[in-house]
Each structure stands twice: as structure tokens, then as C-alpha cells.
Amino acid sequence: MNNLLSALAAMTQRLGHVVSIVLAALLIIVGWLVIINPALLGWIVGLVLILVGVAVLAGVFTQR
């Protein structure tokens, strides 16, 4: 848990105040939406897995 908090703290310092505030607001809104409609969590997880898969494929096919 401490690693996650330190990673979030480092990320927010790199992004700046405005982006951190917008990110926090989006996370709060998504959290409320998931509480209201738990089926939305499945969609969010599915979309994240698709995006991670695309990123892995892009990393495999991109020459360094």
C-alpha cells in the first residue's frame, strides 16, 4: 500500500496542480458511478484490459 501511495504522490508532483485536481475529480466521479451502477465496473475493467493489451502489442511490434 505504501508503494502505491508513494507512486501516486510522485505522479501528482510530476503532473502539476491543475492536472492532479482534474485527475482527482475524475477518479471521484468514476468511483461514484461504480457505486451507483456496479455493472459499470466490468466495463471499466474490460476497457482497461483492452488498452493494456494494445499497449503490449504496440511495444512488441515497435522497434527500439
PDB file of N, CA and C in Angstrom:
ATOM      1  N   MET A   1       0.828  -1.195   0.000  1.00  0.00           N
ATOM      2  CA  MET A   1       0.000   0.000   0.000  1.00  0.00           C
ATOM      3  C   MET A   1       0.871   1.257   0.000  1.00  0.00           C
ATOM      4  N   ASN A   2       1.980   1.202   0.733  1.00  0.00           N
ATOM      5  CA  ASN A   2       2.872   2.366   0.767  1.00  0.00           C
ATOM      6  C   ASN A   2       3.484   2.644  -0.595  1.00  0.00           C
ATOM      7  N   ASN A   3       3.775   1.575  -1.358  1.00  0.00           N
ATOM      8  CA  ASN A   3       4.332   1.771  -2.700  1.00  0.00           C
ATOM      9  C   ASN A   3       3.329   2.475  -3.603  1.00  0.00           C
ATOM     10  N   LEU A   4       2.060   2.094  -3.471  1.00  0.00           N
ATOM     11  CA  LEU A   4       1.017   2.722  -4.286  1.00  0.00           C
ATOM     12  C   LEU A   4       0.872   4.198  -3.943  1.00  0.00           C
ATOM     13  N   LEU A   5       0.868   4.503  -2.655  1.00  0.00           N
ATOM     14  CA  LEU A   5       0.740   5.905  -2.243  1.00  0.00           C
ATOM     15  C   LEU A   5       1.943   6.737  -2.668  1.00  0.00           C
ATOM     16  N   SER A   6       3.143   6.164  -2.568  1.00  0.00           N
ATOM     17  CA  SER A   6       4.323   6.921  -2.984  1.00  0.00           C
ATOM     18  C   SER A   6       4.342   7.116  -4.501  1.00  0.00           C
ATOM     19  N   ALA A   7       3.858   6.112  -5.242  1.00  0.00           N
ATOM     20  CA  ALA A   7       3.785   6.262  -6.699  1.00  0.00           C
ATOM     21  C   ALA A   7       2.768   7.330  -7.074  1.00  0.00           C
ATOM     22  N   LEU A   8       1.622   7.359  -6.395  1.00  0.00           N
ATOM     23  CA  LEU A   8       0.628   8.396  -6.666  1.00  0.00           C
ATOM     24  C   LEU A   8       1.156   9.786  -6.305  1.00  0.00           C
ATOM     25  N   ALA A   9       1.875   9.889  -5.197  1.00  0.00           N
ATOM     26  CA  ALA A   9       2.434  11.180  -4.804  1.00  0.00           C
ATOM     27  C   ALA A   9       3.462  11.664  -5.826  1.00  0.00           C
ATOM     28  N   ALA A  10       4.311  10.759  -6.310  1.00  0.00           N
ATOM     29  CA  ALA A  10       5.311  11.137  -7.315  1.00  0.00           C
ATOM     30  C   ALA A  10       4.636  11.535  -8.623  1.00  0.00           C
ATOM     31  N   MET A  11       3.579  10.812  -8.998  1.00  0.00           N
ATOM     32  CA  MET A  11       2.880  11.123 -10.246  1.00  0.00           C
ATOM     33  C   MET A  11       2.206  12.486 -10.173  1.00  0.00           C
ATOM     34  N   THR A  12       1.572  12.792  -9.052  1.00  0.00           N
ATOM     35  CA  THR A  12       0.895  14.079  -8.948  1.00  0.00           C
ATOM     36  C   THR A  12       1.884  15.234  -8.925  1.00  0.00           C
ATOM     37  N   GLN A  13       3.063  15.023  -8.388  1.00  0.00           N
ATOM     38  CA  GLN A  13       4.062  16.098  -8.400  1.00  0.00           C
ATOM     39  C   GLN A  13       4.586  16.343  -9.806  1.00  0.00           C
ATOM     40  N   ARG A  14       4.712  15.270 -10.599  1.00  0.00           N
ATOM     41  CA  ARG A  14       5.174  15.438 -11.979  1.00  0.00           C
ATOM     42  C   ARG A  14       4.124  16.089 -12.861  1.00  0.00           C
ATOM     43  N   LEU A  15       2.844  15.809 -12.591  1.00  0.00           N
ATOM     44  CA  LEU A  15       1.770  16.315 -13.448  1.00  0.00           C
ATOM     45  C   LEU A  15       1.460  17.787 -13.205  1.00  0.00           C
ATOM     46  N   GLY A  16       1.616  18.245 -11.987  1.00  0.00           N
ATOM     47  CA  GLY A  16       1.279  19.623 -11.670  1.00  0.00           C
ATOM     48  C   GLY A  16      -0.056  19.703 -10.960  1.00  0.00           C
ATOM     49  N   HIS A  17      -0.375  20.896 -10.471  1.00  0.00           N
ATOM     50  CA  HIS A  17      -1.561  21.082  -9.647  1.00  0.00           C
ATOM     51  C   HIS A  17      -2.860  20.920 -10.425  1.00  0.00           C
ATOM     52  N   VAL A  18      -2.943  21.521 -11.591  1.00  0.00           N
ATOM     53  CA  VAL A  18      -4.203  21.518 -12.344  1.00  0.00           C
ATOM     54  C   VAL A  18      -4.557  20.106 -12.797  1.00  0.00           C
ATOM     55  N   VAL A  19      -3.598  19.402 -13.364  1.00  0.00           N
ATOM     56  CA  VAL A  19      -3.865  18.048 -13.846  1.00  0.00           C
ATOM     57  C   VAL A  19      -4.177  17.115 -12.678  1.00  0.00           C
ATOM     58  N   SER A  20      -3.531  17.309 -11.551  1.00  0.00           N
ATOM     59  CA  SER A  20      -3.802  16.488 -10.377  1.00  0.00           C
ATOM     60  C   SER A  20      -5.222  16.711  -9.865  1.00  0.00           C
ATOM     61  N   ILE A  21      -5.674  17.948  -9.881  1.00  0.00           N
ATOM     62  CA  ILE A  21      -7.036  18.253  -9.448  1.00  0.00           C
ATOM     63  C   ILE A  21      -8.057  17.634 -10.405  1.00  0.00           C
ATOM     64  N   VAL A  22      -7.811  17.739 -11.700  1.00  0.00           N
ATOM     65  CA  VAL A  22      -8.716  17.155 -12.688  1.00  0.00           C
ATOM     66  C   VAL A  22      -8.726  15.629 -12.553  1.00  0.00           C
ATOM     67  N   LEU A  23      -7.560  15.024 -12.365  1.00  0.00           N
ATOM     68  CA  LEU A  23      -7.469  13.579 -12.189  1.00  0.00           C
ATOM     69  C   LEU A  23      -8.224  13.130 -10.941  1.00  0.00           C
ATOM     70  N   ALA A  24      -8.066  13.861  -9.853  1.00  0.00           N
ATOM     71  CA  ALA A  24      -8.778  13.534  -8.618  1.00  0.00           C
ATOM     72  C   ALA A  24     -10.287  13.637  -8.817  1.00  0.00           C
ATOM     73  N   ALA A  25     -10.739  14.677  -9.499  1.00  0.00           N
ATOM     74  CA  ALA A  25     -12.170  14.841  -9.748  1.00  0.00           C
ATOM     75  C   ALA A  25     -12.707  13.701 -10.606  1.00  0.00           C
ATOM     76  N   LEU A  26     -11.970  13.306 -11.637  1.00  0.00           N
ATOM     77  CA  LEU A  26     -12.411  12.202 -12.485  1.00  0.00           C
ATOM     78  C   LEU A  26     -12.479  10.891 -11.711  1.00  0.00           C
ATOM     79  N   LEU A  27     -11.487  10.652 -10.854  1.00  0.00           N
ATOM     80  CA  LEU A  27     -11.495   9.435 -10.047  1.00  0.00           C
ATOM     81  C   LEU A  27     -12.681   9.408  -9.090  1.00  0.00           C
ATOM     82  N   ILE A  28     -13.009  10.543  -8.515  1.00  0.00           N
ATOM     83  CA  ILE A  28     -14.154  10.622  -7.613  1.00  0.00           C
ATOM     84  C   ILE A  28     -15.449  10.362  -8.375  1.00  0.00           C
ATOM     85  N   ILE A  29     -15.589  10.953  -9.555  1.00  0.00           N
ATOM     86  CA  ILE A  29     -16.798  10.754 -10.361  1.00  0.00           C
ATOM     87  C   ILE A  29     -16.936   9.294 -10.775  1.00  0.00           C
ATOM     88  N   VAL A  30     -15.844   8.683 -11.237  1.00  0.00           N
ATOM     89  CA  VAL A  30     -15.898   7.275 -11.640  1.00  0.00           C
ATOM     90  C   VAL A  30     -16.212   6.400 -10.429  1.00  0.00           C
ATOM     91  N   GLY A  31     -15.656   6.736  -9.273  1.00  0.00           N
ATOM     92  CA  GLY A  31     -15.960   5.986  -8.052  1.00  0.00           C
ATOM     93  C   GLY A  31     -17.433   6.023  -7.707  1.00  0.00           C
ATOM     94  N   TRP A  32     -18.046   7.190  -7.804  1.00  0.00           N
ATOM     95  CA  TRP A  32     -19.482   7.312  -7.529  1.00  0.00           C
ATOM     96  C   TRP A  32     -20.308   6.550  -8.558  1.00  0.00           C
ATOM     97  N   LEU A  33     -19.896   6.618  -9.823  1.00  0.00           N
ATOM     98  CA  LEU A  33     -20.628   5.883 -10.856  1.00  0.00           C
ATOM     99  C   LEU A  33     -20.572   4.376 -10.626  1.00  0.00           C
ATOM    100  N   VAL A  34     -19.422   3.884 -10.186  1.00  0.00           N
ATOM    101  CA  VAL A  34     -19.290   2.450  -9.905  1.00  0.00           C
ATOM    102  C   VAL A  34     -20.136   2.065  -8.704  1.00  0.00           C
ATOM    103  N   ILE A  35     -20.216   2.936  -7.700  1.00  0.00           N
ATOM    104  CA  ILE A  35     -21.056   2.648  -6.540  1.00  0.00           C
ATOM    105  C   ILE A  35     -22.525   2.615  -6.954  1.00  0.00           C
ATOM    106  N   ILE A  36     -22.933   3.540  -7.797  1.00  0.00           N
ATOM    107  CA  ILE A  36     -24.331   3.609  -8.230  1.00  0.00           C
ATOM    108  C   ILE A  36     -24.664   2.444  -9.164  1.00  0.00           C
ATOM    109  N   ASN A  37     -23.767   2.135 -10.085  1.00  0.00           N
ATOM    110  CA  ASN A  37     -24.015   1.085 -11.070  1.00  0.00           C
ATOM    111  C   ASN A  37     -22.820   0.128 -11.081  1.00  0.00           C
ATOM    112  N   PRO A  38     -22.861  -0.943 -10.265  1.00  0.00           N
ATOM    113  CA  PRO A  38     -21.714  -1.859 -10.182  1.00  0.00           C
ATOM    114  C   PRO A  38     -21.385  -2.558 -11.501  1.00  0.00           C
ATOM    115  N   ALA A  39     -22.336  -2.696 -12.404  1.00  0.00           N
ATOM    116  CA  ALA A  39     -22.054  -3.323 -13.693  1.00  0.00           C
ATOM    117  C   ALA A  39     -21.071  -2.485 -14.503  1.00  0.00           C
ATOM    118  N   LEU A  40     -20.996  -1.196 -14.202  1.00  0.00           N
ATOM    119  CA  LEU A  40     -20.055  -0.307 -14.883  1.00  0.00           C
ATOM    120  C   LEU A  40     -18.604  -0.712 -14.608  1.00  0.00           C
ATOM    121  N   LEU A  41     -18.367  -1.314 -13.442  1.00  0.00           N
ATOM    122  CA  LEU A  41     -17.016  -1.745 -13.094  1.00  0.00           C
ATOM    123  C   LEU A  41     -16.504  -2.779 -14.092  1.00  0.00           C
ATOM    124  N   GLY A  42     -17.382  -3.681 -14.518  1.00  0.00           N
ATOM    125  CA  GLY A  42     -16.983  -4.675 -15.512  1.00  0.00           C
ATOM    126  C   GLY A  42     -16.567  -4.038 -16.823  1.00  0.00           C
ATOM    127  N   TRP A  43     -17.303  -3.025 -17.251  1.00  0.00           N
ATOM    128  CA  TRP A  43     -16.958  -2.315 -18.481  1.00  0.00           C
ATOM    129  C   TRP A  43     -15.627  -1.594 -18.354  1.00  0.00           C
ATOM    130  N   ILE A  44     -15.422  -0.956 -17.202  1.00  0.00           N
ATOM    131  CA  ILE A  44     -14.172  -0.213 -16.988  1.00  0.00           C
ATOM    132  C   ILE A  44     -12.987  -1.168 -16.990  1.00  0.00           C
ATOM    133  N   VAL A  45     -13.122  -2.296 -16.279  1.00  0.00           N
ATOM    134  CA  VAL A  45     -12.039  -3.278 -16.244  1.00  0.00           C
ATOM    135  C   VAL A  45     -11.789  -3.835 -17.633  1.00  0.00           C
ATOM    136  N   GLY A  46     -12.847  -4.117 -18.371  1.00  0.00           N
ATOM    137  CA  GLY A  46     -12.688  -4.619 -19.730  1.00  0.00           C
ATOM    138  C   GLY A  46     -11.965  -3.633 -20.631  1.00  0.00           C
ATOM    139  N   LEU A  47     -12.342  -2.373 -20.553  1.00  0.00           N
ATOM    140  CA  LEU A  47     -11.674  -1.355 -21.372  1.00  0.00           C
ATOM    141  C   LEU A  47     -10.207  -1.197 -20.994  1.00  0.00           C
ATOM    142  N   VAL A  48      -9.918  -1.252 -19.699  1.00  0.00           N
ATOM    143  CA  VAL A  48      -8.521  -1.139 -19.261  1.00  0.00           C
ATOM    144  C   VAL A  48      -7.710  -2.322 -19.770  1.00  0.00           C
ATOM    145  N   LEU A  49      -8.270  -3.525 -19.698  1.00  0.00           N
ATOM    146  CA  LEU A  49      -7.552  -4.694 -20.197  1.00  0.00           C
ATOM    147  C   LEU A  49      -7.309  -4.599 -21.701  1.00  0.00           C
ATOM    148  N   ILE A  50      -8.282  -4.098 -22.454  1.00  0.00           N
ATOM    149  CA  ILE A  50      -8.090  -3.918 -23.895  1.00  0.00           C
ATOM    150  C   ILE A  50      -6.980  -2.913 -24.158  1.00  0.00           C
ATOM    151  N   LEU A  51      -6.981  -1.797 -23.439  1.00  0.00           N
ATOM    152  CA  LEU A  51      -5.937  -0.782 -23.635  1.00  0.00           C
ATOM    153  C   LEU A  51      -4.559  -1.305 -23.268  1.00  0.00           C
ATOM    154  N   VAL A  52      -4.471  -2.091 -22.206  1.00  0.00           N
ATOM    155  CA  VAL A  52      -3.180  -2.678 -21.824  1.00  0.00           C
ATOM    156  C   VAL A  52      -2.723  -3.665 -22.888  1.00  0.00           C
ATOM    157  N   GLY A  53      -3.647  -4.449 -23.427  1.00  0.00           N
ATOM    158  CA  GLY A  53      -3.289  -5.379 -24.498  1.00  0.00           C
ATOM    159  C   GLY A  53      -2.779  -4.663 -25.732  1.00  0.00           C
ATOM    160  N   VAL A  54      -3.429  -3.577 -26.096  1.00  0.00           N
ATOM    161  CA  VAL A  54      -2.972  -2.790 -27.247  1.00  0.00           C
ATOM    162  C   VAL A  54      -1.589  -2.199 -26.971  1.00  0.00           C
ATOM    163  N   ALA A  55      -1.364  -1.741 -25.751  1.00  0.00           N
ATOM    164  CA  ALA A  55      -0.058  -1.176 -25.412  1.00  0.00           C
ATOM    165  C   ALA A  55       1.035  -2.244 -25.469  1.00  0.00           C
ATOM    166  N   VAL A  56       0.729  -3.454 -25.017  1.00  0.00           N
ATOM    167  CA  VAL A  56       1.715  -4.537 -25.079  1.00  0.00           C
ATOM    168  C   VAL A  56       2.018  -4.890 -26.529  1.00  0.00           C
ATOM    169  N   LEU A  57       0.986  -4.995 -27.357  1.00  0.00           N
ATOM    170  CA  LEU A  57       1.216  -5.280 -28.778  1.00  0.00           C
ATOM    171  C   LEU A  57       2.028  -4.182 -29.452  1.00  0.00           C
ATOM    172  N   ALA A  58       1.727  -2.944 -29.112  1.00  0.00           N
ATOM    173  CA  ALA A  58       2.495  -1.830 -29.689  1.00  0.00           C
ATOM    174  C   ALA A  58       3.951  -1.923 -29.252  1.00  0.00           C
ATOM    175  N   GLY A  59       4.183  -2.311 -28.013  1.00  0.00           N
ATOM    176  CA  GLY A  59       5.558  -2.461 -27.538  1.00  0.00           C
ATOM    177  C   GLY A  59       6.281  -3.599 -28.220  1.00  0.00           C
ATOM    178  N   VAL A  60       5.547  -4.669 -28.564  1.00  0.00           N
ATOM    179  CA  VAL A  60       6.179  -5.810 -29.222  1.00  0.00           C
ATOM    180  C   VAL A  60       6.545  -5.451 -30.654  1.00  0.00           C
ATOM    181  N   PHE A  61       5.643  -4.775 -31.364  1.00  0.00           N
ATOM    182  CA  PHE A  61       5.870  -4.513 -32.785  1.00  0.00           C
ATOM    183  C   PHE A  61       6.668  -3.232 -33.062  1.00  0.00           C
ATOM    184  N   THR A  62       6.901  -2.419 -32.053  1.00  0.00           N
ATOM    185  CA  THR A  62       7.654  -1.194 -32.253  1.00  0.00           C
ATOM    186  C   THR A  62       9.134  -1.463 -32.039  1.00  0.00           C
ATOM    187  N   GLN A  63       9.928  -1.095 -33.019  1.00  0.00           N
ATOM    188  CA  GLN A  63      11.369  -1.265 -32.893  1.00  0.00           C
ATOM    189  C   GLN A  63      11.956  -0.179 -32.005  1.00  0.00           C
ATOM    190  N   ARG A  64      12.882  -0.558 -31.175  1.00  0.00           N
ATOM    191  CA  ARG A  64      13.524   0.425 -30.299  1.00  0.00           C
ATOM    192  C   ARG A  64      14.833   0.857 -30.871  1.00  0.00           C
TER     193      ARG A  64
END
